[in-house]
Amino acid sequence: MVTIKAVAERCGCSPATVSKALNGAPDVGHEMVRRIRAAAAEMGYVPNAAARALKTARTYSFGVVFKEASRAGLAHEFFSLLLNGFKRRSEELGYDISFIVGRLGERDFTYAEHARYRRYDGVAVITVVHNDPYVQELADSGIPTVTVDLESPGCGCVMSDNVRGMADILNYVYAMGHRRVAFIHGESTPVTRVRVAAFYRACAGLGLTIPEGYVIEAKYHDPPSAGEATRALMALPEPPTCILYPDDISYLGGRKALDEMGLSIPGDVSAVGYDGIFLSQLLDPRLTTLHQDADLMGVRAAEELARAVTEGRAYIPGRVVIPGELLKGQTVKRL
């Protein structure tokens, strides 16, 4: 392994000068900095992470808590895009990332214990598990923490604008002539509760009456449960003319159920998804859906976490809200 001493010998200066030049100290001349950095790159010098951490009290690493209820993991497109945006921006800011797990070796660890063990500068919490006590323990630990779509006291937060998203959907289907609009929502989470409240608020603003049985629960990212909910809605004495689904994958279950019932989209009933994943725009008919900018959410989470680390005790947790975009596909019929 190439050492600072070897770079110093190549450049005819002291190891201290090399260290200063590589770390941007102002008291080394421009030409010497250029020579040292060129030599270090040519020789393949890589800073020793442990030594750097001891000197700066920083490890330039972020931990990531990632848990989502459907167990799709990184195959879940929304979270995959979000994590990719977070990873890319973190690396641009000079941080590497790794996942926090609940067990190391033969011992169980809380998120805070794992973060201290790995000496992470900060932690991003990307999860839909809203009642996890370890998240609040992490927030109370003093370790800079940013959450995504989950508000927790003491943490910075990046949120999708679910209120505006639901309003955009309702305004569109209303403009298309629909007055009987049903909503299949996911299991109870803070995001779900916001979306349900936003649904009722938007309907009230448009003067829409929501009949009994029109708001029904299924599971996120679960086509079978969405299919069952769709059958229940279509069995009502006065079924809806438009169904809102909790996400685009769930819509596939509703579509299958309607097909089995001999009903077509949008001929017999209209449908709207949520998330705006790539697959939704390849379907025939193309799905009308609310696109969440998951990549941008990840980018903003990395930036907010880096700010929390840099500002330290002066950090005031920010709340960043990312707007979505309604993709007007072909699954909402004009009445």
C-alpha atoms as a PDB file:
ATOM      1  CA  MET A   1       0.000   0.000   0.000  1.00  0.00           C
ATOM      2  CA  VAL A   2       1.305   3.443  -0.954  1.00  0.00           C
ATOM      3  CA  THR A   3       1.891   5.668   2.099  1.00  0.00           C
ATOM      4  CA  ILE A   4       1.985   9.421   2.655  1.00  0.00           C
ATOM      5  CA  LYS A   5       5.701   9.021   3.328  1.00  0.00           C
ATOM      6  CA  ALA A   6       6.239   7.504  -0.142  1.00  0.00           C
ATOM      7  CA  VAL A   7       4.341  10.383  -1.785  1.00  0.00           C
ATOM      8  CA  ALA A   8       6.421  12.858   0.244  1.00  0.00           C
ATOM      9  CA  GLU A   9       9.685  11.248  -0.921  1.00  0.00           C
ATOM     10  CA  ARG A  10       8.511  11.417  -4.551  1.00  0.00           C
ATOM     11  CA  CYS A  11       7.700  15.134  -4.201  1.00  0.00           C
ATOM     12  CA  GLY A  12      10.694  16.087  -2.040  1.00  0.00           C
ATOM     13  CA  CYS A  13       8.630  17.411   0.863  1.00  0.00           C
ATOM     14  CA  SER A  14       7.509  16.337   4.330  1.00  0.00           C
ATOM     15  CA  PRO A  15       4.620  13.921   5.034  1.00  0.00           C
ATOM     16  CA  ALA A  16       2.908  16.796   6.855  1.00  0.00           C
ATOM     17  CA  THR A  17       2.945  18.882   3.666  1.00  0.00           C
ATOM     18  CA  VAL A  18       1.454  15.988   1.699  1.00  0.00           C
ATOM     19  CA  SER A  19      -1.289  15.597   4.293  1.00  0.00           C
ATOM     20  CA  LYS A  20      -2.107  19.300   4.167  1.00  0.00           C
ATOM     21  CA  ALA A  21      -2.142  19.359   0.371  1.00  0.00           C
ATOM     22  CA  LEU A  22      -4.472  16.369   0.111  1.00  0.00           C
ATOM     23  CA  ASN A  23      -6.839  17.807   2.722  1.00  0.00           C
ATOM     24  CA  GLY A  24      -7.059  21.290   1.205  1.00  0.00           C
ATOM     25  CA  ALA A  25      -5.102  23.230   3.837  1.00  0.00           C
ATOM     26  CA  PRO A  26      -4.560  26.861   2.738  1.00  0.00           C
ATOM     27  CA  ASP A  27      -0.885  27.133   3.730  1.00  0.00           C
ATOM     28  CA  VAL A  28       0.518  24.978   0.888  1.00  0.00           C
ATOM     29  CA  GLY A  29       1.362  26.663  -2.407  1.00  0.00           C
ATOM     30  CA  HIS A  30      -0.778  25.988  -5.478  1.00  0.00           C
ATOM     31  CA  GLU A  31       2.067  24.426  -7.479  1.00  0.00           C
ATOM     32  CA  MET A  32       3.059  22.117  -4.615  1.00  0.00           C
ATOM     33  CA  VAL A  33      -0.572  21.045  -4.171  1.00  0.00           C
ATOM     34  CA  ARG A  34      -0.749  20.259  -7.895  1.00  0.00           C
ATOM     35  CA  ARG A  35       2.476  18.206  -7.791  1.00  0.00           C
ATOM     36  CA  ILE A  36       1.450  16.280  -4.672  1.00  0.00           C
ATOM     37  CA  ARG A  37      -2.014  15.422  -5.932  1.00  0.00           C
ATOM     38  CA  ALA A  38      -0.684  14.363  -9.313  1.00  0.00           C
ATOM     39  CA  ALA A  39       1.911  12.132  -7.671  1.00  0.00           C
ATOM     40  CA  ALA A  40      -0.645  10.640  -5.288  1.00  0.00           C
ATOM     41  CA  ALA A  41      -2.967   9.811  -8.178  1.00  0.00           C
ATOM     42  CA  GLU A  42      -0.147   8.323 -10.249  1.00  0.00           C
ATOM     43  CA  MET A  43       1.114   6.201  -7.345  1.00  0.00           C
ATOM     44  CA  GLY A  44      -2.385   5.038  -6.409  1.00  0.00           C
ATOM     45  CA  TYR A  45      -2.359   6.543  -2.920  1.00  0.00           C
ATOM     46  CA  VAL A  46      -5.594   5.966  -0.959  1.00  0.00           C
ATOM     47  CA  PRO A  47      -6.081   7.690   2.427  1.00  0.00           C
ATOM     48  CA  ASN A  48      -6.295   5.406   5.429  1.00  0.00           C
ATOM     49  CA  ALA A  49      -9.921   5.629   6.570  1.00  0.00           C
ATOM     50  CA  ALA A  50      -9.200   4.793  10.197  1.00  0.00           C
ATOM     51  CA  ALA A  51      -6.423   7.364  10.473  1.00  0.00           C
ATOM     52  CA  ARG A  52      -8.572   9.976   8.754  1.00  0.00           C
ATOM     53  CA  ALA A  53     -11.433   9.316  11.164  1.00  0.00           C
ATOM     54  CA  LEU A  54      -9.150   9.696  14.193  1.00  0.00           C
ATOM     55  CA  LYS A  55      -7.830  13.001  12.916  1.00  0.00           C
ATOM     56  CA  THR A  56     -11.099  14.570  11.735  1.00  0.00           C
ATOM     57  CA  ALA A  57     -13.619  12.836  14.052  1.00  0.00           C
ATOM     58  CA  ARG A  58     -15.512  11.997  10.846  1.00  0.00           C
ATOM     59  CA  THR A  59     -15.727   8.745   8.900  1.00  0.00           C
ATOM     60  CA  TYR A  60     -17.419  10.220   5.809  1.00  0.00           C
ATOM     61  CA  SER A  61     -19.942   7.407   5.838  1.00  0.00           C
ATOM     62  CA  PHE A  62     -23.717   7.249   6.153  1.00  0.00           C
ATOM     63  CA  GLY A  63     -25.753   4.380   7.509  1.00  0.00           C
ATOM     64  CA  VAL A  64     -29.093   3.497   5.932  1.00  0.00           C
ATOM     65  CA  VAL A  65     -32.037   1.904   7.716  1.00  0.00           C
ATOM     66  CA  PHE A  66     -34.176   0.323   4.994  1.00  0.00           C
ATOM     67  CA  LYS A  67     -37.358  -1.563   5.872  1.00  0.00           C
ATOM     68  CA  GLU A  68     -40.548  -1.822   3.860  1.00  0.00           C
ATOM     69  CA  ALA A  69     -43.601  -3.845   4.699  1.00  0.00           C
ATOM     70  CA  SER A  70     -44.134  -5.649   1.378  1.00  0.00           C
ATOM     71  CA  ARG A  71     -40.727  -7.376   1.648  1.00  0.00           C
ATOM     72  CA  ALA A  72     -40.010  -6.599  -1.983  1.00  0.00           C
ATOM     73  CA  GLY A  73     -36.787  -4.964  -0.832  1.00  0.00           C
ATOM     74  CA  LEU A  74     -34.644  -3.483  -3.581  1.00  0.00           C
ATOM     75  CA  ALA A  75     -37.020  -4.980  -6.161  1.00  0.00           C
ATOM     76  CA  HIS A  76     -39.531  -2.295  -5.089  1.00  0.00           C
ATOM     77  CA  GLU A  77     -39.004   0.307  -7.817  1.00  0.00           C
ATOM     78  CA  PHE A  78     -39.935   3.340  -5.708  1.00  0.00           C
ATOM     79  CA  PHE A  79     -37.448   2.478  -2.967  1.00  0.00           C
ATOM     80  CA  SER A  80     -34.835   1.321  -5.456  1.00  0.00           C
ATOM     81  CA  LEU A  81     -34.924   4.702  -7.207  1.00  0.00           C
ATOM     82  CA  LEU A  82     -34.923   6.533  -3.881  1.00  0.00           C
ATOM     83  CA  LEU A  83     -31.904   4.628  -2.604  1.00  0.00           C
ATOM     84  CA  ASN A  84     -30.082   5.129  -5.890  1.00  0.00           C
ATOM     85  CA  GLY A  85     -30.607   8.882  -5.681  1.00  0.00           C
ATOM     86  CA  PHE A  86     -29.429   8.871  -2.068  1.00  0.00           C
ATOM     87  CA  LYS A  87     -26.340   6.807  -2.892  1.00  0.00           C
ATOM     88  CA  ARG A  88     -25.373   8.898  -5.923  1.00  0.00           C
ATOM     89  CA  ARG A  89     -25.684  12.236  -4.130  1.00  0.00           C
ATOM     90  CA  SER A  90     -23.956  10.944  -0.984  1.00  0.00           C
ATOM     91  CA  GLU A  91     -20.975   9.881  -3.064  1.00  0.00           C
ATOM     92  CA  GLU A  92     -20.900  13.273  -4.788  1.00  0.00           C
ATOM     93  CA  LEU A  93     -20.776  14.862  -1.337  1.00  0.00           C
ATOM     94  CA  GLY A  94     -17.867  12.630  -0.307  1.00  0.00           C
ATOM     95  CA  TYR A  95     -19.697   9.975   1.726  1.00  0.00           C
ATOM     96  CA  ASP A  96     -20.002   6.250   1.242  1.00  0.00           C
ATOM     97  CA  ILE A  97     -23.055   4.349   2.457  1.00  0.00           C
ATOM     98  CA  SER A  98     -23.869   0.976   3.957  1.00  0.00           C
ATOM     99  CA  PHE A  99     -26.972  -0.619   5.423  1.00  0.00           C
ATOM    100  CA  ILE A 100     -27.761  -0.868   9.103  1.00  0.00           C
ATOM    101  CA  VAL A 101     -28.917  -4.314  10.183  1.00  0.00           C
ATOM    102  CA  GLY A 102     -30.343  -5.528  13.467  1.00  0.00           C
ATOM    103  CA  ARG A 103     -27.722  -8.168  14.110  1.00  0.00           C
ATOM    104  CA  LEU A 104     -23.929  -8.217  13.971  1.00  0.00           C
ATOM    105  CA  GLY A 105     -22.251 -11.546  14.610  1.00  0.00           C
ATOM    106  CA  GLU A 106     -24.139 -13.211  17.433  1.00  0.00           C
ATOM    107  CA  ARG A 107     -25.498 -10.025  18.993  1.00  0.00           C
ATOM    108  CA  ASP A 108     -28.653  -8.010  18.332  1.00  0.00           C
ATOM    109  CA  PHE A 109     -28.080  -4.293  17.782  1.00  0.00           C
ATOM    110  CA  THR A 110     -30.440  -1.332  17.772  1.00  0.00           C
ATOM    111  CA  TYR A 111     -30.025   1.192  14.953  1.00  0.00           C
ATOM    112  CA  ALA A 112     -28.262   3.613  17.303  1.00  0.00           C
ATOM    113  CA  GLU A 113     -25.909   0.927  18.607  1.00  0.00           C
ATOM    114  CA  HIS A 114     -25.040  -0.156  15.078  1.00  0.00           C
ATOM    115  CA  ALA A 115     -24.466   3.468  14.017  1.00  0.00           C
ATOM    116  CA  ARG A 116     -22.115   4.064  16.948  1.00  0.00           C
ATOM    117  CA  TYR A 117     -20.314   0.771  16.328  1.00  0.00           C
ATOM    118  CA  ARG A 118     -19.679   1.691  12.683  1.00  0.00           C
ATOM    119  CA  ARG A 119     -19.073   5.354  13.596  1.00  0.00           C
ATOM    120  CA  TYR A 120     -21.435   6.644  10.926  1.00  0.00           C
ATOM    121  CA  ASP A 121     -21.497  10.410  10.580  1.00  0.00           C
ATOM    122  CA  GLY A 122     -25.250  10.250  10.017  1.00  0.00           C
ATOM    123  CA  VAL A 123     -28.136   7.897   9.302  1.00  0.00           C
ATOM    124  CA  ALA A 124     -30.957   7.948   6.749  1.00  0.00           C
ATOM    125  CA  VAL A 125     -34.142   6.121   7.718  1.00  0.00           C
ATOM    126  CA  ILE A 126     -36.025   4.874   4.665  1.00  0.00           C
ATOM    127  CA  THR A 127     -38.932   2.830   5.946  1.00  0.00           C
ATOM    128  CA  VAL A 128     -42.708   2.509   5.989  1.00  0.00           C
ATOM    129  CA  VAL A 129     -42.606   0.789   9.380  1.00  0.00           C
ATOM    130  CA  HIS A 130     -43.965   3.714  11.356  1.00  0.00           C
ATOM    131  CA  ASN A 131     -44.055   2.291  14.883  1.00  0.00           C
ATOM    132  CA  ASP A 132     -40.449   1.140  15.155  1.00  0.00           C
ATOM    133  CA  PRO A 133     -39.158   2.284  18.601  1.00  0.00           C
ATOM    134  CA  TYR A 134     -35.576   2.052  17.407  1.00  0.00           C
ATOM    135  CA  VAL A 135     -36.149   4.980  15.038  1.00  0.00           C
ATOM    136  CA  GLN A 136     -36.956   7.374  17.882  1.00  0.00           C
ATOM    137  CA  GLU A 137     -34.052   5.969  19.911  1.00  0.00           C
ATOM    138  CA  LEU A 138     -31.824   6.834  16.959  1.00  0.00           C
ATOM    139  CA  ALA A 139     -33.299  10.353  16.774  1.00  0.00           C
ATOM    140  CA  ASP A 140     -32.667  10.840  20.499  1.00  0.00           C
ATOM    141  CA  SER A 141     -29.111   9.504  20.304  1.00  0.00           C
ATOM    142  CA  GLY A 142     -27.541  12.701  18.981  1.00  0.00           C
ATOM    143  CA  ILE A 143     -26.515  10.985  15.733  1.00  0.00           C
ATOM    144  CA  PRO A 144     -27.606  13.184  12.780  1.00  0.00           C
ATOM    145  CA  THR A 145     -30.676  11.482  11.324  1.00  0.00           C
ATOM    146  CA  VAL A 146     -32.925  12.163   8.344  1.00  0.00           C
ATOM    147  CA  THR A 147     -36.125  10.239   7.638  1.00  0.00           C
ATOM    148  CA  VAL A 148     -37.986   9.763   4.353  1.00  0.00           C
ATOM    149  CA  ASP A 149     -41.810   9.905   4.334  1.00  0.00           C
ATOM    150  CA  LEU A 150     -41.725   9.520   8.108  1.00  0.00           C
ATOM    151  CA  GLU A 151     -41.707  12.463  10.510  1.00  0.00           C
ATOM    152  CA  SER A 152     -39.940  11.932  13.818  1.00  0.00           C
ATOM    153  CA  PRO A 153     -39.030  14.589  16.440  1.00  0.00           C
ATOM    154  CA  GLY A 154     -35.437  15.749  16.156  1.00  0.00           C
ATOM    155  CA  CYS A 155     -34.921  14.423  12.618  1.00  0.00           C
ATOM    156  CA  GLY A 156     -34.739  16.140   9.292  1.00  0.00           C
ATOM    157  CA  CYS A 157     -37.384  14.853   6.926  1.00  0.00           C
ATOM    158  CA  VAL A 158     -37.970  14.477   3.190  1.00  0.00           C
ATOM    159  CA  MET A 159     -41.599  13.974   2.209  1.00  0.00           C
ATOM    160  CA  SER A 160     -43.522  13.359  -0.977  1.00  0.00           C
ATOM    161  CA  ASP A 161     -46.337  15.907  -1.331  1.00  0.00           C
ATOM    162  CA  ASN A 162     -49.134  13.405  -0.755  1.00  0.00           C
ATOM    163  CA  VAL A 163     -51.742  16.093  -0.093  1.00  0.00           C
ATOM    164  CA  ARG A 164     -51.130  17.799  -3.419  1.00  0.00           C
ATOM    165  CA  GLY A 165     -50.841  14.443  -5.170  1.00  0.00           C
ATOM    166  CA  MET A 166     -54.280  13.303  -4.041  1.00  0.00           C
ATOM    167  CA  ALA A 167     -55.772  16.690  -4.936  1.00  0.00           C
ATOM    168  CA  ASP A 168     -54.293  16.495  -8.440  1.00  0.00           C
ATOM    169  CA  ILE A 169     -55.791  13.030  -8.943  1.00  0.00           C
ATOM    170  CA  LEU A 170     -59.262  14.013  -7.700  1.00  0.00           C
ATOM    171  CA  ASN A 171     -59.299  17.234  -9.711  1.00  0.00           C
ATOM    172  CA  TYR A 172     -58.437  15.295 -12.858  1.00  0.00           C
ATOM    173  CA  VAL A 173     -60.994  12.504 -12.481  1.00  0.00           C
ATOM    174  CA  TYR A 174     -63.637  15.100 -11.569  1.00  0.00           C
ATOM    175  CA  ALA A 175     -62.819  17.085 -14.706  1.00  0.00           C
ATOM    176  CA  MET A 176     -63.237  13.833 -16.668  1.00  0.00           C
ATOM    177  CA  GLY A 177     -66.826  13.663 -15.385  1.00  0.00           C
ATOM    178  CA  HIS A 178     -66.512  11.141 -12.536  1.00  0.00           C
ATOM    179  CA  ARG A 179     -68.647  11.643  -9.437  1.00  0.00           C
ATOM    180  CA  ARG A 180     -68.542   8.127  -7.955  1.00  0.00           C
ATOM    181  CA  VAL A 181     -64.894   7.754  -6.987  1.00  0.00           C
ATOM    182  CA  ALA A 182     -63.635   4.974  -4.698  1.00  0.00           C
ATOM    183  CA  PHE A 183     -60.269   4.770  -2.963  1.00  0.00           C
ATOM    184  CA  ILE A 184     -58.404   1.553  -2.143  1.00  0.00           C
ATOM    185  CA  HIS A 185     -55.687   2.650   0.282  1.00  0.00           C
ATOM    186  CA  GLY A 186     -52.768   0.761   1.807  1.00  0.00           C
ATOM    187  CA  GLU A 187     -52.392  -0.433   5.382  1.00  0.00           C
ATOM    188  CA  SER A 188     -52.292   2.148   8.164  1.00  0.00           C
ATOM    189  CA  THR A 189     -49.102   4.233   8.100  1.00  0.00           C
ATOM    190  CA  PRO A 190     -48.512   7.986   8.500  1.00  0.00           C
ATOM    191  CA  VAL A 191     -48.400   8.315   4.696  1.00  0.00           C
ATOM    192  CA  THR A 192     -51.651   6.374   4.325  1.00  0.00           C
ATOM    193  CA  ARG A 193     -53.413   8.531   6.892  1.00  0.00           C
ATOM    194  CA  VAL A 194     -52.306  11.678   5.092  1.00  0.00           C
ATOM    195  CA  ARG A 195     -53.500  10.333   1.733  1.00  0.00           C
ATOM    196  CA  VAL A 196     -56.883   9.273   3.138  1.00  0.00           C
ATOM    197  CA  ALA A 197     -57.388  12.670   4.786  1.00  0.00           C
ATOM    198  CA  ALA A 198     -56.306  14.395   1.561  1.00  0.00           C
ATOM    199  CA  PHE A 199     -58.789  12.249  -0.389  1.00  0.00           C
ATOM    200  CA  TYR A 200     -61.691  13.308   1.832  1.00  0.00           C
ATOM    201  CA  ARG A 201     -60.556  16.939   1.765  1.00  0.00           C
ATOM    202  CA  ALA A 202     -60.300  17.016  -2.024  1.00  0.00           C
ATOM    203  CA  CYS A 203     -63.695  15.323  -2.395  1.00  0.00           C
ATOM    204  CA  ALA A 204     -65.298  17.829  -0.027  1.00  0.00           C
ATOM    205  CA  GLY A 205     -63.790  20.701  -1.997  1.00  0.00           C
ATOM    206  CA  LEU A 206     -65.327  19.313  -5.182  1.00  0.00           C
ATOM    207  CA  GLY A 207     -68.671  18.624  -3.562  1.00  0.00           C
ATOM    208  CA  LEU A 208     -68.345  14.854  -3.975  1.00  0.00           C
ATOM    209  CA  THR A 209     -70.248  12.550  -1.643  1.00  0.00           C
ATOM    210  CA  ILE A 210     -68.384   9.376  -0.678  1.00  0.00           C
ATOM    211  CA  PRO A 211     -70.871   6.499  -0.255  1.00  0.00           C
ATOM    212  CA  GLU A 212     -70.443   3.879   2.458  1.00  0.00           C
ATOM    213  CA  GLY A 213     -67.926   1.248   1.379  1.00  0.00           C
ATOM    214  CA  TYR A 214     -66.121   3.423  -1.176  1.00  0.00           C
ATOM    215  CA  VAL A 215     -62.970   3.800   0.967  1.00  0.00           C
ATOM    216  CA  ILE A 216     -61.477   0.367   1.583  1.00  0.00           C
ATOM    217  CA  GLU A 217     -58.139  -0.985   2.815  1.00  0.00           C
ATOM    218  CA  ALA A 218     -55.785  -3.370   1.019  1.00  0.00           C
ATOM    219  CA  LYS A 219     -52.030  -3.879   1.248  1.00  0.00           C
ATOM    220  CA  TYR A 220     -49.415  -1.817  -0.513  1.00  0.00           C
ATOM    221  CA  HIS A 221     -47.628  -3.540  -3.382  1.00  0.00           C
ATOM    222  CA  ASP A 222     -49.973  -6.544  -3.115  1.00  0.00           C
ATOM    223  CA  PRO A 223     -52.040  -7.343  -6.235  1.00  0.00           C
ATOM    224  CA  PRO A 224     -54.153 -10.129  -4.620  1.00  0.00           C
ATOM    225  CA  SER A 225     -55.446  -7.890  -1.804  1.00  0.00           C
ATOM    226  CA  ALA A 226     -56.134  -5.080  -4.285  1.00  0.00           C
ATOM    227  CA  GLY A 227     -58.027  -7.587  -6.418  1.00  0.00           C
ATOM    228  CA  GLU A 228     -60.226  -8.590  -3.469  1.00  0.00           C
ATOM    229  CA  ALA A 229     -60.931  -4.933  -2.671  1.00  0.00           C
ATOM    230  CA  THR A 230     -61.846  -4.302  -6.312  1.00  0.00           C
ATOM    231  CA  ARG A 231     -64.358  -7.151  -6.305  1.00  0.00           C
ATOM    232  CA  ALA A 232     -65.919  -5.773  -3.124  1.00  0.00           C
ATOM    233  CA  LEU A 233     -66.304  -2.323  -4.681  1.00  0.00           C
ATOM    234  CA  MET A 234     -67.822  -3.631  -7.891  1.00  0.00           C
ATOM    235  CA  ALA A 235     -70.310  -5.737  -5.890  1.00  0.00           C
ATOM    236  CA  LEU A 236     -71.829  -2.636  -4.272  1.00  0.00           C
ATOM    237  CA  PRO A 237     -75.397  -1.720  -5.285  1.00  0.00           C
ATOM    238  CA  GLU A 238     -73.993   1.383  -6.957  1.00  0.00           C
ATOM    239  CA  PRO A 239     -70.357   0.631  -7.895  1.00  0.00           C
ATOM    240  CA  PRO A 240     -67.846   3.406  -8.544  1.00  0.00           C
ATOM    241  CA  THR A 241     -67.028   4.698 -12.001  1.00  0.00           C
ATOM    242  CA  CYS A 242     -63.395   5.267 -10.992  1.00  0.00           C
ATOM    243  CA  ILE A 243     -61.119   3.447  -8.532  1.00  0.00           C
ATOM    244  CA  LEU A 244     -57.942   4.904  -7.042  1.00  0.00           C
ATOM    245  CA  TYR A 245     -55.289   2.316  -6.137  1.00  0.00           C
ATOM    246  CA  PRO A 246     -52.594   2.601  -3.423  1.00  0.00           C
ATOM    247  CA  ASP A 247     -49.768   1.999  -5.922  1.00  0.00           C
ATOM    248  CA  ASP A 248     -49.163   0.891  -9.485  1.00  0.00           C
ATOM    249  CA  ILE A 249     -48.372  -2.731  -8.586  1.00  0.00           C
ATOM    250  CA  SER A 250     -51.642  -3.018  -6.657  1.00  0.00           C
ATOM    251  CA  TYR A 251     -53.451  -1.731  -9.732  1.00  0.00           C
ATOM    252  CA  LEU A 252     -52.382  -4.895 -11.560  1.00  0.00           C
ATOM    253  CA  GLY A 253     -54.384  -6.934  -9.071  1.00  0.00           C
ATOM    254  CA  GLY A 254     -57.427  -4.751  -9.633  1.00  0.00           C
ATOM    255  CA  ARG A 255     -57.026  -5.021 -13.379  1.00  0.00           C
ATOM    256  CA  LYS A 256     -56.859  -8.815 -13.173  1.00  0.00           C
ATOM    257  CA  ALA A 257     -59.975  -8.959 -10.985  1.00  0.00           C
ATOM    258  CA  LEU A 258     -61.918  -6.732 -13.363  1.00  0.00           C
ATOM    259  CA  ASP A 259     -60.830  -8.832 -16.324  1.00  0.00           C
ATOM    260  CA  GLU A 260     -62.066 -11.977 -14.557  1.00  0.00           C
ATOM    261  CA  MET A 261     -65.390 -10.206 -13.983  1.00  0.00           C
ATOM    262  CA  GLY A 262     -65.649  -9.449 -17.686  1.00  0.00           C
ATOM    263  CA  LEU A 263     -65.124  -5.713 -17.147  1.00  0.00           C
ATOM    264  CA  SER A 264     -62.699  -3.521 -19.047  1.00  0.00           C
ATOM    265  CA  ILE A 265     -60.581  -0.476 -18.162  1.00  0.00           C
ATOM    266  CA  PRO A 266     -61.575   2.248 -18.899  1.00  0.00           C
ATOM    267  CA  GLY A 267     -64.678   1.084 -20.782  1.00  0.00           C
ATOM    268  CA  ASP A 268     -66.546  -0.199 -17.725  1.00  0.00           C
ATOM    269  CA  VAL A 269     -64.609   1.406 -14.893  1.00  0.00           C
ATOM    270  CA  SER A 270     -61.726   3.886 -14.762  1.00  0.00           C
ATOM    271  CA  ALA A 271     -58.603   3.455 -12.638  1.00  0.00           C
ATOM    272  CA  VAL A 272     -55.719   5.533 -11.257  1.00  0.00           C
ATOM    273  CA  GLY A 273     -52.467   4.285  -9.735  1.00  0.00           C
ATOM    274  CA  TYR A 274     -49.820   5.897  -7.542  1.00  0.00           C
ATOM    275  CA  ASP A 275     -46.004   6.056  -7.799  1.00  0.00           C
ATOM    276  CA  GLY A 276     -45.594   6.352 -11.582  1.00  0.00           C
ATOM    277  CA  ILE A 277     -43.180   3.430 -11.941  1.00  0.00           C
ATOM    278  CA  PHE A 278     -41.691   2.663 -15.348  1.00  0.00           C
ATOM    279  CA  LEU A 279     -43.907  -0.389 -15.859  1.00  0.00           C
ATOM    280  CA  SER A 280     -47.074   1.710 -15.500  1.00  0.00           C
ATOM    281  CA  GLN A 281     -46.287   3.549 -18.729  1.00  0.00           C
ATOM    282  CA  LEU A 282     -45.727   0.318 -20.688  1.00  0.00           C
ATOM    283  CA  LEU A 283     -49.161  -1.124 -19.947  1.00  0.00           C
ATOM    284  CA  ASP A 284     -51.948  -1.111 -22.501  1.00  0.00           C
ATOM    285  CA  PRO A 285     -53.915   0.970 -21.770  1.00  0.00           C
ATOM    286  CA  ARG A 286     -51.230   3.210 -20.267  1.00  0.00           C
ATOM    287  CA  LEU A 287     -51.959   3.758 -16.587  1.00  0.00           C
ATOM    288  CA  THR A 288     -53.016   7.157 -15.293  1.00  0.00           C
ATOM    289  CA  THR A 289     -50.938   7.583 -12.140  1.00  0.00           C
ATOM    290  CA  LEU A 290     -49.285  10.058  -9.781  1.00  0.00           C
ATOM    291  CA  HIS A 291     -45.532   9.941 -10.365  1.00  0.00           C
ATOM    292  CA  GLN A 292     -43.460  10.395  -7.211  1.00  0.00           C
ATOM    293  CA  ASP A 293     -39.947  11.674  -7.897  1.00  0.00           C
ATOM    294  CA  ALA A 294     -38.220   9.004  -5.815  1.00  0.00           C
ATOM    295  CA  ASP A 295     -34.766   9.812  -7.195  1.00  0.00           C
ATOM    296  CA  LEU A 296     -35.071  13.474  -6.171  1.00  0.00           C
ATOM    297  CA  MET A 297     -36.310  12.442  -2.740  1.00  0.00           C
ATOM    298  CA  GLY A 298     -33.136  10.388  -2.298  1.00  0.00           C
ATOM    299  CA  VAL A 299     -30.968  13.275  -3.484  1.00  0.00           C
ATOM    300  CA  ARG A 300     -32.594  15.724  -1.082  1.00  0.00           C
ATOM    301  CA  ALA A 301     -32.299  13.232   1.793  1.00  0.00           C
ATOM    302  CA  ALA A 302     -28.537  12.967   1.199  1.00  0.00           C
ATOM    303  CA  GLU A 303     -28.195  16.746   1.078  1.00  0.00           C
ATOM    304  CA  GLU A 304     -30.230  17.217   4.249  1.00  0.00           C
ATOM    305  CA  LEU A 305     -28.192  14.579   6.071  1.00  0.00           C
ATOM    306  CA  ALA A 306     -24.910  16.135   4.941  1.00  0.00           C
ATOM    307  CA  ARG A 307     -26.192  19.506   6.222  1.00  0.00           C
ATOM    308  CA  ALA A 308     -27.070  17.939   9.574  1.00  0.00           C
ATOM    309  CA  VAL A 309     -23.554  16.496   9.864  1.00  0.00           C
ATOM    310  CA  THR A 310     -21.809  19.731   8.830  1.00  0.00           C
ATOM    311  CA  GLU A 311     -23.859  22.027  11.062  1.00  0.00           C
ATOM    312  CA  GLY A 312     -23.703  19.731  14.101  1.00  0.00           C
ATOM    313  CA  ARG A 313     -25.304  21.295  17.166  1.00  0.00           C
ATOM    314  CA  ALA A 314     -26.467  24.280  15.128  1.00  0.00           C
ATOM    315  CA  TYR A 315     -28.579  22.062  12.858  1.00  0.00           C
ATOM    316  CA  ILE A 316     -32.304  22.830  12.835  1.00  0.00           C
ATOM    317  CA  PRO A 317     -34.154  19.865  11.285  1.00  0.00           C
ATOM    318  CA  GLY A 318     -35.585  20.734   7.900  1.00  0.00           C
ATOM    319  CA  ARG A 319     -38.749  19.415   6.254  1.00  0.00           C
ATOM    320  CA  VAL A 320     -38.334  19.055   2.498  1.00  0.00           C
ATOM    321  CA  VAL A 321     -41.501  18.378   0.471  1.00  0.00           C
ATOM    322  CA  ILE A 322     -41.107  16.979  -3.047  1.00  0.00           C
ATOM    323  CA  PRO A 323     -44.015  17.510  -5.485  1.00  0.00           C
ATOM    324  CA  GLY A 324     -45.304  14.712  -7.689  1.00  0.00           C
ATOM    325  CA  GLU A 325     -46.586  14.819 -11.265  1.00  0.00           C
ATOM    326  CA  LEU A 326     -49.865  13.461 -12.591  1.00  0.00           C
ATOM    327  CA  LEU A 327     -49.281  11.246 -15.620  1.00  0.00           C
ATOM    328  CA  LYS A 328     -52.471  11.378 -17.679  1.00  0.00           C
ATOM    329  CA  GLY A 329     -52.542   7.936 -19.209  1.00  0.00           C
ATOM    330  CA  GLN A 330     -55.419   6.118 -20.841  1.00  0.00           C
ATOM    331  CA  THR A 331     -57.241   4.483 -17.921  1.00  0.00           C
ATOM    332  CA  VAL A 332     -59.645   7.320 -17.045  1.00  0.00           C
ATOM    333  CA  LYS A 333     -62.656   7.529 -19.339  1.00  0.00           C
ATOM    334  CA  ARG A 334     -64.384  10.843 -20.026  1.00  0.00           C
ATOM    335  CA  LEU A 335     -68.026  10.537 -19.001  1.00  0.00           C
END
